Amino acid sequence: MPLLEIKNLQLEFRQGQQSLRALDGISLVLNAGETLCLVGESGCGKSITALSIAQLLPSPPARYIGGQILLQGRDTLKMTAAELRGIRGGVVSYVFQEPGASLNPVFRVGAQIKEALKLHRPDVATDAEVIRLLATVGIPAPEARLRSYPHELSGGMQQRVMIAMALASHPKLLVADEPTTALDVTIQAQIIELLHGLKGQFGMAMLMITHNLGIVGDLADRAAVMYAGQIVESGPAKDILRNPLHPYTQALIESVPQIGAGSARLKSIPGAVPRLGSVPSGCRFHPRCPVAQPVCAQTAVDLIETLPGRWARCPFAKSPRATVDKPSAYAKTSP
């Protein structure tokens, strides 16, 4: 049984009398001990998907209108408030972007980590355990940092504190939502290396949300690419990086700077991710797609298993520049 299985998740936000679909048929599987990277531009729905696992989105305005989120075989969308409190931190923990905004500025970091211990491991809610956790995430002189306030720490140290808080409960699943945002490149590499090592040390699964494809190659077992509230490609991470099938995935990879590429102009994806309520008809990527056909604006397509274990939401995935004479190329296939 997978640790996490999301099935056809559909979520919308209410804005006055209008319903804005934010997630449309998201399906993911994450096994114990595995790392899955969720990739895409800002606004694609990555964070909303992750927050939905433990129902951290306020309702209203968020409303789940379909699907299941099975965590250890139990549907979190059907859990009571008390049951959700048990899994938040206890089974799934989060490391958010912008740690300075996530930490409480008026409490010492040791007290904040101890609070997580009191909720989930009260028998070891001691200064000694807090110091051990701080040392585990690589904070120097943890005995002294125990009494530091968040503003007394650098961005990298703040993120390490956030990771220590997330690990305090020994979760089965760690969700890292853009954990290197606002950190310089050297510190980013340290945080990614730390997360990779801790995942093995604690035997956790990890869901990593990122728009940095370099992280995917270094960290992930599998990857899923999101666009406009849908999964457009999924499969083994290294296979996706070596041979991207969907035009959006190809465009993301082509926009990454390459060492030794000279002074050639960096490729970019024209346009922007559509706003909620303004999703185009047919394929949602077609207004920005360099290989779009007339049929792409007319008929939507489901995920197609283009290669064994490789799924893409595009009938031209095998050969993006191929032409198709009939709309029947959009025959729908369930993953």
C-alpha atoms as a PDB file:
ATOM      1  CA  MET A   1       0.000   0.000   0.000  1.00  0.00           C
ATOM      2  CA  PRO A   2       1.420   3.443  -0.908  1.00  0.00           C
ATOM      3  CA  LEU A   3       2.134   5.869   1.913  1.00  0.00           C
ATOM      4  CA  LEU A   4       0.285   8.620   0.038  1.00  0.00           C
ATOM      5  CA  GLU A   5      -2.144   8.253  -2.836  1.00  0.00           C
ATOM      6  CA  ILE A   6      -4.034  11.204  -4.280  1.00  0.00           C
ATOM      7  CA  LYS A   7      -6.868  10.193  -6.582  1.00  0.00           C
ATOM      8  CA  ASN A   8      -8.556  12.626  -8.981  1.00  0.00           C
ATOM      9  CA  LEU A   9      -8.375  15.519  -6.502  1.00  0.00           C
ATOM     10  CA  GLN A  10     -10.528  18.495  -7.423  1.00  0.00           C
ATOM     11  CA  LEU A  11     -10.509  21.728  -5.448  1.00  0.00           C
ATOM     12  CA  GLU A  12     -12.040  25.120  -6.019  1.00  0.00           C
ATOM     13  CA  PHE A  13     -12.057  28.518  -4.355  1.00  0.00           C
ATOM     14  CA  ARG A  14     -15.205  30.552  -3.909  1.00  0.00           C
ATOM     15  CA  GLN A  15     -14.948  34.222  -4.862  1.00  0.00           C
ATOM     16  CA  GLY A  16     -18.308  35.857  -4.349  1.00  0.00           C
ATOM     17  CA  GLN A  17     -20.718  33.933  -6.553  1.00  0.00           C
ATOM     18  CA  GLN A  18     -17.909  32.552  -8.693  1.00  0.00           C
ATOM     19  CA  SER A  19     -16.216  29.151  -8.282  1.00  0.00           C
ATOM     20  CA  LEU A  20     -12.572  29.072  -9.395  1.00  0.00           C
ATOM     21  CA  ARG A  21     -11.147  25.594 -10.067  1.00  0.00           C
ATOM     22  CA  ALA A  22      -7.592  25.426  -8.670  1.00  0.00           C
ATOM     23  CA  LEU A  23      -6.938  21.666  -8.923  1.00  0.00           C
ATOM     24  CA  ASP A  24      -8.509  19.551 -11.625  1.00  0.00           C
ATOM     25  CA  GLY A  25      -8.024  15.795 -11.421  1.00  0.00           C
ATOM     26  CA  ILE A  26      -4.683  15.571  -9.578  1.00  0.00           C
ATOM     27  CA  SER A  27      -3.472  11.986  -9.083  1.00  0.00           C
ATOM     28  CA  LEU A  28      -0.171  11.122  -7.365  1.00  0.00           C
ATOM     29  CA  VAL A  29       1.365   8.097  -5.665  1.00  0.00           C
ATOM     30  CA  LEU A  30       4.217   8.265  -3.137  1.00  0.00           C
ATOM     31  CA  ASN A  31       5.656   5.110  -1.604  1.00  0.00           C
ATOM     32  CA  ALA A  32       7.405   4.822   1.756  1.00  0.00           C
ATOM     33  CA  GLY A  33      11.016   5.993   1.596  1.00  0.00           C
ATOM     34  CA  GLU A  34      10.558   7.567  -1.846  1.00  0.00           C
ATOM     35  CA  THR A  35      11.145  11.145  -3.000  1.00  0.00           C
ATOM     36  CA  LEU A  36       8.684  12.725  -5.398  1.00  0.00           C
ATOM     37  CA  CYS A  37       9.326  16.180  -6.854  1.00  0.00           C
ATOM     38  CA  LEU A  38       6.375  18.320  -7.905  1.00  0.00           C
ATOM     39  CA  VAL A  39       7.621  20.765 -10.547  1.00  0.00           C
ATOM     40  CA  GLY A  40       6.156  23.775 -12.321  1.00  0.00           C
ATOM     41  CA  GLU A  41       5.988  27.544 -12.500  1.00  0.00           C
ATOM     42  CA  SER A  42       4.492  29.636  -9.719  1.00  0.00           C
ATOM     43  CA  GLY A  43       0.711  29.498  -9.854  1.00  0.00           C
ATOM     44  CA  CYS A  44       0.460  25.944 -11.203  1.00  0.00           C
ATOM     45  CA  GLY A  45      -1.091  24.538  -8.003  1.00  0.00           C
ATOM     46  CA  LYS A  46       1.913  22.775  -6.439  1.00  0.00           C
ATOM     47  CA  SER A  47       1.603  24.270  -2.948  1.00  0.00           C
ATOM     48  CA  ILE A  48      -2.191  23.914  -2.937  1.00  0.00           C
ATOM     49  CA  THR A  49      -1.769  20.216  -3.695  1.00  0.00           C
ATOM     50  CA  ALA A  50       0.696  19.793  -0.827  1.00  0.00           C
ATOM     51  CA  LEU A  51      -1.372  21.771   1.676  1.00  0.00           C
ATOM     52  CA  SER A  52      -4.412  19.686   0.802  1.00  0.00           C
ATOM     53  CA  ILE A  53      -2.768  16.517   2.142  1.00  0.00           C
ATOM     54  CA  ALA A  54      -3.351  17.591   5.759  1.00  0.00           C
ATOM     55  CA  GLN A  55      -6.219  19.975   4.931  1.00  0.00           C
ATOM     56  CA  LEU A  56      -4.239  23.089   5.787  1.00  0.00           C
ATOM     57  CA  LEU A  57      -6.202  25.297   3.405  1.00  0.00           C
ATOM     58  CA  PRO A  58      -8.904  27.425   5.075  1.00  0.00           C
ATOM     59  CA  SER A  59     -12.433  26.375   4.189  1.00  0.00           C
ATOM     60  CA  PRO A  60     -14.035  28.593   3.039  1.00  0.00           C
ATOM     61  CA  PRO A  61     -12.826  29.770   0.559  1.00  0.00           C
ATOM     62  CA  ALA A  62     -11.307  26.367  -0.362  1.00  0.00           C
ATOM     63  CA  ARG A  63     -13.739  23.562  -1.138  1.00  0.00           C
ATOM     64  CA  TYR A  64     -12.923  19.968  -2.084  1.00  0.00           C
ATOM     65  CA  ILE A  65     -15.411  18.870  -4.717  1.00  0.00           C
ATOM     66  CA  GLY A  66     -14.044  15.462  -5.632  1.00  0.00           C
ATOM     67  CA  GLY A  67     -11.332  12.853  -5.214  1.00  0.00           C
ATOM     68  CA  GLN A  68      -9.494  11.219  -2.341  1.00  0.00           C
ATOM     69  CA  ILE A  69      -6.274  11.812  -0.404  1.00  0.00           C
ATOM     70  CA  LEU A  70      -5.268   8.481   1.095  1.00  0.00           C
ATOM     71  CA  LEU A  71      -2.555   8.797   3.750  1.00  0.00           C
ATOM     72  CA  GLN A  72      -1.595   5.381   5.127  1.00  0.00           C
ATOM     73  CA  GLY A  73      -4.825   4.123   3.589  1.00  0.00           C
ATOM     74  CA  ARG A  74      -7.094   6.696   5.292  1.00  0.00           C
ATOM     75  CA  ASP A  75      -8.864   9.472   3.396  1.00  0.00           C
ATOM     76  CA  THR A  76      -7.831  12.755   5.008  1.00  0.00           C
ATOM     77  CA  LEU A  77     -10.752  14.540   3.328  1.00  0.00           C
ATOM     78  CA  LYS A  78     -13.120  12.518   5.535  1.00  0.00           C
ATOM     79  CA  MET A  79     -11.220  12.988   8.804  1.00  0.00           C
ATOM     80  CA  THR A  80     -12.590  14.883  11.776  1.00  0.00           C
ATOM     81  CA  ALA A  81     -10.768  17.883  13.211  1.00  0.00           C
ATOM     82  CA  ALA A  82      -9.335  15.707  15.999  1.00  0.00           C
ATOM     83  CA  GLU A  83      -8.092  13.100  13.526  1.00  0.00           C
ATOM     84  CA  LEU A  84      -6.455  15.799  11.408  1.00  0.00           C
ATOM     85  CA  ARG A  85      -4.618  17.163  14.459  1.00  0.00           C
ATOM     86  CA  GLY A  86      -3.203  13.686  14.955  1.00  0.00           C
ATOM     87  CA  ILE A  87      -1.723  13.412  11.470  1.00  0.00           C
ATOM     88  CA  ARG A  88      -0.475  17.016  11.243  1.00  0.00           C
ATOM     89  CA  GLY A  89       3.071  16.711  12.432  1.00  0.00           C
ATOM     90  CA  GLY A  90       2.522  13.150  13.618  1.00  0.00           C
ATOM     91  CA  VAL A  91       2.361  11.527  10.170  1.00  0.00           C
ATOM     92  CA  VAL A  92       3.059  14.388   7.760  1.00  0.00           C
ATOM     93  CA  SER A  93       5.245  17.403   8.544  1.00  0.00           C
ATOM     94  CA  TYR A  94       5.880  20.513   6.484  1.00  0.00           C
ATOM     95  CA  VAL A  95       8.910  22.670   5.794  1.00  0.00           C
ATOM     96  CA  PHE A  96       7.655  25.911   4.273  1.00  0.00           C
ATOM     97  CA  GLN A  97       9.393  28.509   2.150  1.00  0.00           C
ATOM     98  CA  GLU A  98      10.358  31.804   3.810  1.00  0.00           C
ATOM     99  CA  PRO A  99      11.280  30.371   7.242  1.00  0.00           C
ATOM    100  CA  GLY A 100      11.444  33.880   8.701  1.00  0.00           C
ATOM    101  CA  ALA A 101       7.711  34.188   8.112  1.00  0.00           C
ATOM    102  CA  SER A 102       6.937  30.719   9.502  1.00  0.00           C
ATOM    103  CA  LEU A 103       8.779  31.013  12.816  1.00  0.00           C
ATOM    104  CA  ASN A 104       7.137  32.947  15.654  1.00  0.00           C
ATOM    105  CA  PRO A 105       9.325  36.033  16.216  1.00  0.00           C
ATOM    106  CA  VAL A 106       8.495  36.383  19.938  1.00  0.00           C
ATOM    107  CA  PHE A 107       9.485  32.869  21.061  1.00  0.00           C
ATOM    108  CA  ARG A 108      12.949  31.370  21.286  1.00  0.00           C
ATOM    109  CA  VAL A 109      13.626  28.647  18.714  1.00  0.00           C
ATOM    110  CA  GLY A 110      14.127  26.037  21.426  1.00  0.00           C
ATOM    111  CA  ALA A 111      10.644  26.697  22.819  1.00  0.00           C
ATOM    112  CA  GLN A 112       9.114  26.354  19.347  1.00  0.00           C
ATOM    113  CA  ILE A 113      10.784  23.004  18.719  1.00  0.00           C
ATOM    114  CA  LYS A 114       9.813  21.815  22.206  1.00  0.00           C
ATOM    115  CA  GLU A 115       6.182  22.674  21.474  1.00  0.00           C
ATOM    116  CA  ALA A 116       6.234  20.194  18.559  1.00  0.00           C
ATOM    117  CA  LEU A 117       7.752  17.578  20.859  1.00  0.00           C
ATOM    118  CA  LYS A 118       5.073  18.129  23.520  1.00  0.00           C
ATOM    119  CA  LEU A 119       2.336  17.511  20.950  1.00  0.00           C
ATOM    120  CA  HIS A 120       3.721  14.332  19.415  1.00  0.00           C
ATOM    121  CA  ARG A 121       6.520  12.937  21.635  1.00  0.00           C
ATOM    122  CA  PRO A 122       5.819  14.329  25.113  1.00  0.00           C
ATOM    123  CA  ASP A 123       8.032  11.749  26.806  1.00  0.00           C
ATOM    124  CA  VAL A 124      11.153  13.354  25.266  1.00  0.00           C
ATOM    125  CA  ALA A 125      10.106  17.027  25.328  1.00  0.00           C
ATOM    126  CA  THR A 126      13.340  18.166  26.963  1.00  0.00           C
ATOM    127  CA  ASP A 127      16.115  20.653  26.254  1.00  0.00           C
ATOM    128  CA  ALA A 128      18.436  17.702  25.622  1.00  0.00           C
ATOM    129  CA  GLU A 129      16.210  16.424  22.786  1.00  0.00           C
ATOM    130  CA  VAL A 130      15.923  19.908  21.299  1.00  0.00           C
ATOM    131  CA  ILE A 131      19.711  20.234  21.350  1.00  0.00           C
ATOM    132  CA  ARG A 132      20.025  16.833  19.679  1.00  0.00           C
ATOM    133  CA  LEU A 133      17.618  17.882  16.915  1.00  0.00           C
ATOM    134  CA  LEU A 134      19.473  21.158  16.357  1.00  0.00           C
ATOM    135  CA  ALA A 135      22.738  19.251  16.097  1.00  0.00           C
ATOM    136  CA  THR A 136      21.128  16.754  13.696  1.00  0.00           C
ATOM    137  CA  VAL A 137      20.246  19.523  11.234  1.00  0.00           C
ATOM    138  CA  GLY A 138      23.770  20.938  11.391  1.00  0.00           C
ATOM    139  CA  ILE A 139      23.346  24.003  13.602  1.00  0.00           C
ATOM    140  CA  PRO A 140      26.675  24.831  15.301  1.00  0.00           C
ATOM    141  CA  ALA A 141      26.731  25.357  19.088  1.00  0.00           C
ATOM    142  CA  PRO A 142      23.160  24.063  19.512  1.00  0.00           C
ATOM    143  CA  GLU A 143      23.252  24.645  23.273  1.00  0.00           C
ATOM    144  CA  ALA A 144      23.604  28.380  22.651  1.00  0.00           C
ATOM    145  CA  ARG A 145      21.146  28.513  19.707  1.00  0.00           C
ATOM    146  CA  LEU A 146      18.515  26.915  21.923  1.00  0.00           C
ATOM    147  CA  ARG A 147      17.844  30.361  23.417  1.00  0.00           C
ATOM    148  CA  SER A 148      18.111  32.382  20.209  1.00  0.00           C
ATOM    149  CA  TYR A 149      15.206  34.275  18.700  1.00  0.00           C
ATOM    150  CA  PRO A 150      14.515  33.761  14.971  1.00  0.00           C
ATOM    151  CA  HIS A 151      15.778  37.239  14.040  1.00  0.00           C
ATOM    152  CA  GLU A 152      19.161  36.377  15.532  1.00  0.00           C
ATOM    153  CA  LEU A 153      19.674  33.601  12.966  1.00  0.00           C
ATOM    154  CA  SER A 154      20.553  33.754   9.273  1.00  0.00           C
ATOM    155  CA  GLY A 155      18.064  32.544   6.657  1.00  0.00           C
ATOM    156  CA  GLY A 156      19.885  29.235   6.339  1.00  0.00           C
ATOM    157  CA  MET A 157      19.883  28.696  10.112  1.00  0.00           C
ATOM    158  CA  GLN A 158      16.188  29.577  10.294  1.00  0.00           C
ATOM    159  CA  GLN A 159      15.427  26.948   7.673  1.00  0.00           C
ATOM    160  CA  ARG A 160      17.441  24.384   9.629  1.00  0.00           C
ATOM    161  CA  VAL A 161      15.318  25.208  12.688  1.00  0.00           C
ATOM    162  CA  MET A 162      12.188  24.651  10.594  1.00  0.00           C
ATOM    163  CA  ILE A 163      13.540  21.267   9.500  1.00  0.00           C
ATOM    164  CA  ALA A 164      14.292  20.371  13.125  1.00  0.00           C
ATOM    165  CA  MET A 165      10.695  21.235  14.073  1.00  0.00           C
ATOM    166  CA  ALA A 166       9.382  19.095  11.213  1.00  0.00           C
ATOM    167  CA  LEU A 167      11.545  16.134  12.289  1.00  0.00           C
ATOM    168  CA  ALA A 168      10.662  16.423  15.976  1.00  0.00           C
ATOM    169  CA  SER A 169       7.641  14.135  15.595  1.00  0.00           C
ATOM    170  CA  HIS A 170       9.464  11.531  13.455  1.00  0.00           C
ATOM    171  CA  PRO A 171       6.951  11.849  10.579  1.00  0.00           C
ATOM    172  CA  LYS A 172       6.415   9.278   7.850  1.00  0.00           C
ATOM    173  CA  LEU A 173       6.121  11.993   5.181  1.00  0.00           C
ATOM    174  CA  LEU A 174       8.049  15.270   4.929  1.00  0.00           C
ATOM    175  CA  VAL A 175       6.616  17.921   2.612  1.00  0.00           C
ATOM    176  CA  ALA A 176       9.240  20.487   1.618  1.00  0.00           C
ATOM    177  CA  ASP A 177       7.571  23.437  -0.100  1.00  0.00           C
ATOM    178  CA  GLU A 178      10.253  25.438  -1.934  1.00  0.00           C
ATOM    179  CA  PRO A 179      12.603  25.075   1.081  1.00  0.00           C
ATOM    180  CA  THR A 180      15.452  26.992  -0.592  1.00  0.00           C
ATOM    181  CA  THR A 181      13.497  30.110  -1.565  1.00  0.00           C
ATOM    182  CA  ALA A 182      15.284  33.374  -0.628  1.00  0.00           C
ATOM    183  CA  LEU A 183      18.508  31.530   0.246  1.00  0.00           C
ATOM    184  CA  ASP A 184      21.765  32.085  -1.600  1.00  0.00           C
ATOM    185  CA  VAL A 185      23.062  29.362  -3.912  1.00  0.00           C
ATOM    186  CA  THR A 186      25.617  27.921  -1.481  1.00  0.00           C
ATOM    187  CA  ILE A 187      23.066  27.636   1.333  1.00  0.00           C
ATOM    188  CA  GLN A 188      20.513  26.161  -1.070  1.00  0.00           C
ATOM    189  CA  ALA A 189      22.906  23.320  -1.856  1.00  0.00           C
ATOM    190  CA  GLN A 190      23.527  22.723   1.856  1.00  0.00           C
ATOM    191  CA  ILE A 191      19.800  22.548   2.648  1.00  0.00           C
ATOM    192  CA  ILE A 192      19.119  20.132  -0.219  1.00  0.00           C
ATOM    193  CA  GLU A 193      22.021  17.915   0.843  1.00  0.00           C
ATOM    194  CA  LEU A 194      20.754  18.028   4.432  1.00  0.00           C
ATOM    195  CA  LEU A 195      17.214  17.017   3.437  1.00  0.00           C
ATOM    196  CA  HIS A 196      18.539  14.179   1.301  1.00  0.00           C
ATOM    197  CA  GLY A 197      20.618  12.825   4.164  1.00  0.00           C
ATOM    198  CA  LEU A 198      17.873  13.202   6.780  1.00  0.00           C
ATOM    199  CA  LYS A 199      15.350  11.397   4.597  1.00  0.00           C
ATOM    200  CA  GLY A 200      17.509   8.285   4.677  1.00  0.00           C
ATOM    201  CA  GLN A 201      18.415   8.701   8.341  1.00  0.00           C
ATOM    202  CA  PHE A 202      14.775   8.966   9.472  1.00  0.00           C
ATOM    203  CA  GLY A 203      13.351   6.568   6.872  1.00  0.00           C
ATOM    204  CA  MET A 204      10.847   9.122   5.586  1.00  0.00           C
ATOM    205  CA  ALA A 205       9.199   9.687   2.259  1.00  0.00           C
ATOM    206  CA  MET A 206       9.520  13.212   0.892  1.00  0.00           C
ATOM    207  CA  LEU A 207       7.360  15.363  -1.341  1.00  0.00           C
ATOM    208  CA  MET A 208       9.532  18.196  -2.673  1.00  0.00           C
ATOM    209  CA  ILE A 209       7.905  21.190  -4.346  1.00  0.00           C
ATOM    210  CA  THR A 210      10.210  23.160  -6.578  1.00  0.00           C
ATOM    211  CA  HIS A 211      10.636  24.993  -9.870  1.00  0.00           C
ATOM    212  CA  ASN A 212      14.366  24.203  -9.852  1.00  0.00           C
ATOM    213  CA  LEU A 213      14.951  21.257 -12.165  1.00  0.00           C
ATOM    214  CA  GLY A 214      18.511  20.884 -10.866  1.00  0.00           C
ATOM    215  CA  ILE A 215      17.026  19.769  -7.549  1.00  0.00           C
ATOM    216  CA  VAL A 216      14.942  17.138  -9.325  1.00  0.00           C
ATOM    217  CA  GLY A 217      17.977  15.431 -10.814  1.00  0.00           C
ATOM    218  CA  ASP A 218      19.872  15.369  -7.525  1.00  0.00           C
ATOM    219  CA  LEU A 219      17.065  14.407  -5.172  1.00  0.00           C
ATOM    220  CA  ALA A 220      14.024  12.750  -6.715  1.00  0.00           C
ATOM    221  CA  ASP A 221      13.128   9.169  -7.513  1.00  0.00           C
ATOM    222  CA  ARG A 222      10.102  10.295  -9.486  1.00  0.00           C
ATOM    223  CA  ALA A 223       8.771  13.628 -10.704  1.00  0.00           C
ATOM    224  CA  ALA A 224       5.419  15.104 -11.665  1.00  0.00           C
ATOM    225  CA  VAL A 225       5.148  18.288 -13.725  1.00  0.00           C
ATOM    226  CA  MET A 226       2.162  20.551 -13.033  1.00  0.00           C
ATOM    227  CA  TYR A 227       0.574  23.202 -15.196  1.00  0.00           C
ATOM    228  CA  ALA A 228      -2.618  25.196 -14.517  1.00  0.00           C
ATOM    229  CA  GLY A 229      -3.943  22.811 -11.878  1.00  0.00           C
ATOM    230  CA  GLN A 230      -3.199  19.574 -13.739  1.00  0.00           C
ATOM    231  CA  ILE A 231      -0.409  17.007 -13.945  1.00  0.00           C
ATOM    232  CA  VAL A 232       0.958  17.219 -17.497  1.00  0.00           C
ATOM    233  CA  GLU A 233       3.790  14.672 -17.178  1.00  0.00           C
ATOM    234  CA  SER A 234       4.979  12.122 -14.643  1.00  0.00           C
ATOM    235  CA  GLY A 235       7.510   9.326 -14.423  1.00  0.00           C
ATOM    236  CA  PRO A 236      10.994   8.483 -13.136  1.00  0.00           C
ATOM    237  CA  ALA A 237      12.856  11.745 -12.509  1.00  0.00           C
ATOM    238  CA  LYS A 238      15.991  10.892 -14.461  1.00  0.00           C
ATOM    239  CA  ASP A 239      13.952   9.710 -17.448  1.00  0.00           C
ATOM    240  CA  ILE A 240      11.988  12.957 -17.515  1.00  0.00           C
ATOM    241  CA  LEU A 241      15.168  15.033 -17.426  1.00  0.00           C
ATOM    242  CA  ARG A 242      16.866  12.944 -20.130  1.00  0.00           C
ATOM    243  CA  ASN A 243      13.845  12.631 -22.399  1.00  0.00           C
ATOM    244  CA  PRO A 244      11.037  15.089 -21.570  1.00  0.00           C
ATOM    245  CA  LEU A 245       7.844  14.233 -23.427  1.00  0.00           C
ATOM    246  CA  HIS A 246       5.420  17.099 -22.851  1.00  0.00           C
ATOM    247  CA  PRO A 247       6.196  20.414 -24.598  1.00  0.00           C
ATOM    248  CA  TYR A 248       5.861  22.227 -21.257  1.00  0.00           C
ATOM    249  CA  THR A 249       8.454  19.977 -19.616  1.00  0.00           C
ATOM    250  CA  GLN A 250      10.743  20.467 -22.599  1.00  0.00           C
ATOM    251  CA  ALA A 251      10.340  24.242 -22.318  1.00  0.00           C
ATOM    252  CA  LEU A 252      11.133  24.187 -18.592  1.00  0.00           C
ATOM    253  CA  ILE A 253      14.331  22.236 -19.205  1.00  0.00           C
ATOM    254  CA  GLU A 254      15.394  24.457 -22.107  1.00  0.00           C
ATOM    255  CA  SER A 255      15.006  27.538 -19.892  1.00  0.00           C
ATOM    256  CA  VAL A 256      17.589  26.285 -17.370  1.00  0.00           C
ATOM    257  CA  PRO A 257      21.027  27.965 -17.771  1.00  0.00           C
ATOM    258  CA  GLN A 258      23.714  25.512 -18.886  1.00  0.00           C
ATOM    259  CA  ILE A 259      27.384  25.679 -17.918  1.00  0.00           C
ATOM    260  CA  GLY A 260      29.525  26.191 -21.008  1.00  0.00           C
ATOM    261  CA  ALA A 261      26.583  27.283 -23.165  1.00  0.00           C
ATOM    262  CA  GLY A 262      28.347  30.508 -24.125  1.00  0.00           C
ATOM    263  CA  SER A 263      26.605  33.829 -24.472  1.00  0.00           C
ATOM    264  CA  ALA A 264      23.549  32.593 -26.364  1.00  0.00           C
ATOM    265  CA  ARG A 265      20.287  34.131 -25.246  1.00  0.00           C
ATOM    266  CA  LEU A 266      18.542  32.029 -22.616  1.00  0.00           C
ATOM    267  CA  LYS A 267      15.312  30.466 -23.848  1.00  0.00           C
ATOM    268  CA  SER A 268      12.115  31.427 -22.082  1.00  0.00           C
ATOM    269  CA  ILE A 269       8.473  30.376 -22.199  1.00  0.00           C
ATOM    270  CA  PRO A 270       6.301  33.139 -23.683  1.00  0.00           C
ATOM    271  CA  GLY A 271       3.244  34.286 -21.790  1.00  0.00           C
ATOM    272  CA  ALA A 272       2.271  33.283 -18.264  1.00  0.00           C
ATOM    273  CA  VAL A 273       0.366  30.615 -16.345  1.00  0.00           C
ATOM    274  CA  PRO A 274      -3.371  31.369 -16.756  1.00  0.00           C
ATOM    275  CA  ARG A 275      -5.132  32.853 -13.768  1.00  0.00           C
ATOM    276  CA  LEU A 276      -7.927  31.007 -11.996  1.00  0.00           C
ATOM    277  CA  GLY A 277     -11.120  31.530 -13.921  1.00  0.00           C
ATOM    278  CA  SER A 278      -9.233  32.275 -17.164  1.00  0.00           C
ATOM    279  CA  VAL A 279      -8.119  28.762 -18.126  1.00  0.00           C
ATOM    280  CA  PRO A 280      -8.151  28.326 -21.927  1.00  0.00           C
ATOM    281  CA  SER A 281     -10.253  25.657 -23.596  1.00  0.00           C
ATOM    282  CA  GLY A 282      -8.716  22.433 -24.815  1.00  0.00           C
ATOM    283  CA  CYS A 283      -5.109  21.877 -23.752  1.00  0.00           C
ATOM    284  CA  ARG A 284      -4.313  24.465 -21.108  1.00  0.00           C
ATOM    285  CA  PHE A 285      -0.774  24.952 -22.400  1.00  0.00           C
ATOM    286  CA  HIS A 286      -1.702  25.463 -26.057  1.00  0.00           C
ATOM    287  CA  PRO A 287      -1.502  29.325 -26.070  1.00  0.00           C
ATOM    288  CA  ARG A 288       2.178  29.061 -25.056  1.00  0.00           C
ATOM    289  CA  CYS A 289       3.073  25.816 -26.825  1.00  0.00           C
ATOM    290  CA  PRO A 290       5.488  25.989 -29.788  1.00  0.00           C
ATOM    291  CA  VAL A 291       4.077  22.808 -31.338  1.00  0.00           C
ATOM    292  CA  ALA A 292       0.346  23.397 -30.779  1.00  0.00           C
ATOM    293  CA  GLN A 293      -2.048  22.175 -33.464  1.00  0.00           C
ATOM    294  CA  PRO A 294      -5.539  23.649 -34.169  1.00  0.00           C
ATOM    295  CA  VAL A 295      -7.139  20.699 -32.366  1.00  0.00           C
ATOM    296  CA  CYS A 296      -5.257  21.599 -29.169  1.00  0.00           C
ATOM    297  CA  ALA A 297      -7.524  24.609 -28.608  1.00  0.00           C
ATOM    298  CA  GLN A 298     -10.664  22.540 -29.020  1.00  0.00           C
ATOM    299  CA  THR A 299     -10.316  19.214 -27.219  1.00  0.00           C
ATOM    300  CA  ALA A 300      -8.884  18.439 -23.798  1.00  0.00           C
ATOM    301  CA  VAL A 301      -6.769  15.341 -23.260  1.00  0.00           C
ATOM    302  CA  ASP A 302      -6.165  13.087 -20.284  1.00  0.00           C
ATOM    303  CA  LEU A 303      -2.828  11.650 -19.231  1.00  0.00           C
ATOM    304  CA  ILE A 304      -1.621   9.084 -21.762  1.00  0.00           C
ATOM    305  CA  GLU A 305       0.946   6.367 -21.014  1.00  0.00           C
ATOM    306  CA  THR A 306       3.222   7.306 -23.887  1.00  0.00           C
ATOM    307  CA  LEU A 307       6.081   5.036 -22.732  1.00  0.00           C
ATOM    308  CA  PRO A 308       6.115   2.340 -20.025  1.00  0.00           C
ATOM    309  CA  GLY A 309       5.853   4.195 -16.718  1.00  0.00           C
ATOM    310  CA  ARG A 310       5.791   7.581 -18.502  1.00  0.00           C
ATOM    311  CA  TRP A 311       2.607   9.626 -18.592  1.00  0.00           C
ATOM    312  CA  ALA A 312       2.051  12.824 -20.566  1.00  0.00           C
ATOM    313  CA  ARG A 313      -1.000  14.980 -21.230  1.00  0.00           C
ATOM    314  CA  CYS A 314      -0.243  15.444 -24.922  1.00  0.00           C
ATOM    315  CA  PRO A 315      -0.959  13.255 -27.986  1.00  0.00           C
ATOM    316  CA  PHE A 316       2.215  14.585 -29.613  1.00  0.00           C
ATOM    317  CA  ALA A 317       4.419  13.594 -26.681  1.00  0.00           C
ATOM    318  CA  LYS A 318       6.478  10.981 -28.554  1.00  0.00           C
ATOM    319  CA  SER A 319       7.343  13.407 -31.310  1.00  0.00           C
ATOM    320  CA  PRO A 320       6.361  16.975 -30.375  1.00  0.00           C
ATOM    321  CA  ARG A 321       6.741  18.276 -33.923  1.00  0.00           C
ATOM    322  CA  ALA A 322       4.635  15.557 -35.531  1.00  0.00           C
ATOM    323  CA  THR A 323       1.361  16.516 -37.149  1.00  0.00           C
ATOM    324  CA  VAL A 324      -1.979  14.873 -36.611  1.00  0.00           C
ATOM    325  CA  ASP A 325      -4.812  14.856 -39.129  1.00  0.00           C
ATOM    326  CA  LYS A 326      -7.637  13.737 -36.875  1.00  0.00           C
ATOM    327  CA  PRO A 327      -8.868  14.896 -33.477  1.00  0.00           C
ATOM    328  CA  SER A 328      -9.083  11.183 -32.570  1.00  0.00           C
ATOM    329  CA  ALA A 329      -5.473  11.510 -31.426  1.00  0.00           C
ATOM    330  CA  TYR A 330      -7.065  12.891 -28.280  1.00  0.00           C
ATOM    331  CA  ALA A 331      -8.659   9.587 -27.364  1.00  0.00           C
ATOM    332  CA  LYS A 332      -8.859   9.636 -23.586  1.00  0.00           C
ATOM    333  CA  THR A 333      -6.988   7.057 -21.561  1.00  0.00           C
ATOM    334  CA  SER A 334      -7.054   6.752 -17.767  1.00  0.00           C
ATOM    335  CA  PRO A 335      -3.675   6.429 -16.014  1.00  0.00           C
END
